Each structure stands twice: as structure tokens, then as C-alpha cells.
Amino acid sequence: MQDLDVAGVQNIWPRLSGLVYVPHTEEEYHRLVSLLDDLVDEIGEDESHPLASLMEIVGVLIESYEDQNVPELVA
């Protein structure tokens, strides 16, 4: 298991916390969707891209918000 460099993460987190967060409002959700769009434009299908895991994390955060806040359409 990797040792977590808490001090290192603490140093960079202020710059990242405005980009990567659990959305609690529709505005935060839309900001994450916009970020995901930008990441998809940059990364595309390149799973080896250095930001590919960030794209996946943002996608999971968006999906979680949608699961909790967007009603499913019933046919």
C-alpha cells in the first residue's frame, strides 16, 4: 500500500478543491459537467492520458449527484 503524503496533498489541495468536490447544488453540478466536457475534449479516449483518472472521478461525482437529485424518466 502506498504511503499518503498528507503534507504534499495539503499543499496542493487549495488549488484543486475548487475543481474537484462533491456537488451539493445544481450550480456546483453544472460546473462539474462543464469541467467534464473540457476534460473529454482534452483527453478523448486516451486512457493513458495523465488526467484520465481525474476525468473518471469527475464522472463518478456527476453520476452520484444525478442518482440522488435527477428523477428518472418513466416511459
C-alpha atoms as a PDB file:
ATOM      1  CA  MET A   1       0.000   0.000   0.000  1.00  0.00           C
ATOM      2  CA  GLN A   2       1.242   3.476  -0.841  1.00  0.00           C
ATOM      3  CA  ASP A   3       2.002   5.870   1.969  1.00  0.00           C
ATOM      4  CA  LEU A   4      -0.109   9.005   1.674  1.00  0.00           C
ATOM      5  CA  ASP A   5       1.904  12.202   1.633  1.00  0.00           C
ATOM      6  CA  VAL A   6      -0.645  14.193   3.641  1.00  0.00           C
ATOM      7  CA  ALA A   7       1.564  17.278   3.779  1.00  0.00           C
ATOM      8  CA  GLY A   8       2.013  17.187  -0.001  1.00  0.00           C
ATOM      9  CA  VAL A   9      -1.722  16.783  -0.592  1.00  0.00           C
ATOM     10  CA  GLN A  10      -2.444  19.573   1.880  1.00  0.00           C
ATOM     11  CA  ASN A  11      -0.154  21.873  -0.093  1.00  0.00           C
ATOM     12  CA  ILE A  12      -1.895  21.289  -3.435  1.00  0.00           C
ATOM     13  CA  TRP A  13      -5.491  20.795  -2.239  1.00  0.00           C
ATOM     14  CA  PRO A  14      -6.367  24.538  -2.086  1.00  0.00           C
ATOM     15  CA  ARG A  15      -5.708  24.755  -5.834  1.00  0.00           C
ATOM     16  CA  LEU A  16      -7.772  21.642  -6.573  1.00  0.00           C
ATOM     17  CA  SER A  17     -10.666  21.979  -4.135  1.00  0.00           C
ATOM     18  CA  GLY A  18     -12.460  24.456  -6.389  1.00  0.00           C
ATOM     19  CA  LEU A  19     -12.406  21.891  -9.201  1.00  0.00           C
ATOM     20  CA  VAL A  20     -12.926  18.533  -7.517  1.00  0.00           C
ATOM     21  CA  TYR A  21     -15.711  18.384  -4.946  1.00  0.00           C
ATOM     22  CA  VAL A  22     -18.953  16.611  -4.153  1.00  0.00           C
ATOM     23  CA  PRO A  23     -21.674  18.769  -5.720  1.00  0.00           C
ATOM     24  CA  HIS A  24     -24.486  19.785  -3.371  1.00  0.00           C
ATOM     25  CA  THR A  25     -26.235  22.347  -5.552  1.00  0.00           C
ATOM     26  CA  GLU A  26     -27.347  22.477  -9.165  1.00  0.00           C
ATOM     27  CA  GLU A  27     -24.775  25.221  -9.805  1.00  0.00           C
ATOM     28  CA  GLU A  28     -21.941  23.023  -8.488  1.00  0.00           C
ATOM     29  CA  TYR A  29     -23.276  20.145 -10.587  1.00  0.00           C
ATOM     30  CA  HIS A  30     -23.220  22.283 -13.746  1.00  0.00           C
ATOM     31  CA  ARG A  31     -19.665  23.447 -13.009  1.00  0.00           C
ATOM     32  CA  LEU A  32     -18.561  19.806 -12.765  1.00  0.00           C
ATOM     33  CA  VAL A  33     -20.364  18.971 -16.017  1.00  0.00           C
ATOM     34  CA  SER A  34     -18.508  21.829 -17.689  1.00  0.00           C
ATOM     35  CA  LEU A  35     -15.199  20.550 -16.284  1.00  0.00           C
ATOM     36  CA  LEU A  36     -16.000  17.048 -17.551  1.00  0.00           C
ATOM     37  CA  ASP A  37     -16.760  18.441 -21.008  1.00  0.00           C
ATOM     38  CA  ASP A  38     -13.372  20.184 -21.045  1.00  0.00           C
ATOM     39  CA  LEU A  39     -11.616  17.029 -19.884  1.00  0.00           C
ATOM     40  CA  VAL A  40     -13.339  14.912 -22.549  1.00  0.00           C
ATOM     41  CA  ASP A  41     -12.285  17.431 -25.207  1.00  0.00           C
ATOM     42  CA  GLU A  42      -8.676  17.235 -23.988  1.00  0.00           C
ATOM     43  CA  ILE A  43      -8.422  13.517 -23.210  1.00  0.00           C
ATOM     44  CA  GLY A  44     -10.879  11.830 -25.537  1.00  0.00           C
ATOM     45  CA  GLU A  45     -10.453   8.054 -25.360  1.00  0.00           C
ATOM     46  CA  ASP A  46      -6.793   8.150 -24.278  1.00  0.00           C
ATOM     47  CA  GLU A  47      -6.830   6.071 -21.077  1.00  0.00           C
ATOM     48  CA  SER A  48      -3.093   6.666 -20.650  1.00  0.00           C
ATOM     49  CA  HIS A  49      -3.520  10.458 -20.515  1.00  0.00           C
ATOM     50  CA  PRO A  50      -2.262  11.893 -17.187  1.00  0.00           C
ATOM     51  CA  LEU A  51      -5.722  13.390 -16.492  1.00  0.00           C
ATOM     52  CA  ALA A  52      -7.752  10.280 -17.397  1.00  0.00           C
ATOM     53  CA  SER A  53      -8.282   9.312 -13.751  1.00  0.00           C
ATOM     54  CA  LEU A  54      -9.443  12.863 -12.952  1.00  0.00           C
ATOM     55  CA  MET A  55     -11.973  12.588 -15.767  1.00  0.00           C
ATOM     56  CA  GLU A  56     -13.226   9.324 -14.278  1.00  0.00           C
ATOM     57  CA  ILE A  57     -13.510  10.827 -10.771  1.00  0.00           C
ATOM     58  CA  VAL A  58     -15.448  13.841 -12.038  1.00  0.00           C
ATOM     59  CA  GLY A  59     -17.749  11.485 -13.939  1.00  0.00           C
ATOM     60  CA  VAL A  60     -18.440   9.487 -10.769  1.00  0.00           C
ATOM     61  CA  LEU A  61     -19.205  12.679  -8.816  1.00  0.00           C
ATOM     62  CA  ILE A  62     -21.649  13.796 -11.523  1.00  0.00           C
ATOM     63  CA  GLU A  63     -23.299  10.377 -11.676  1.00  0.00           C
ATOM     64  CA  SER A  64     -23.734  10.329  -7.900  1.00  0.00           C
ATOM     65  CA  TYR A  65     -25.390  13.760  -7.952  1.00  0.00           C
ATOM     66  CA  GLU A  66     -27.704  12.688 -10.761  1.00  0.00           C
ATOM     67  CA  ASP A  67     -28.650   9.470  -8.958  1.00  0.00           C
ATOM     68  CA  GLN A  68     -29.658  11.471  -5.888  1.00  0.00           C
ATOM     69  CA  ASN A  69     -31.205  14.558  -7.490  1.00  0.00           C
ATOM     70  CA  VAL A  70     -32.443  13.898 -11.008  1.00  0.00           C
ATOM     71  CA  PRO A  71     -35.703  11.960 -11.250  1.00  0.00           C
ATOM     72  CA  GLU A  72     -35.724   9.046 -13.649  1.00  0.00           C
ATOM     73  CA  LEU A  73     -37.962   9.308 -16.672  1.00  0.00           C
ATOM     74  CA  VAL A  74     -40.756   6.756 -16.662  1.00  0.00           C
ATOM     75  CA  ALA A  75     -41.933   5.624 -20.094  1.00  0.00           C
END
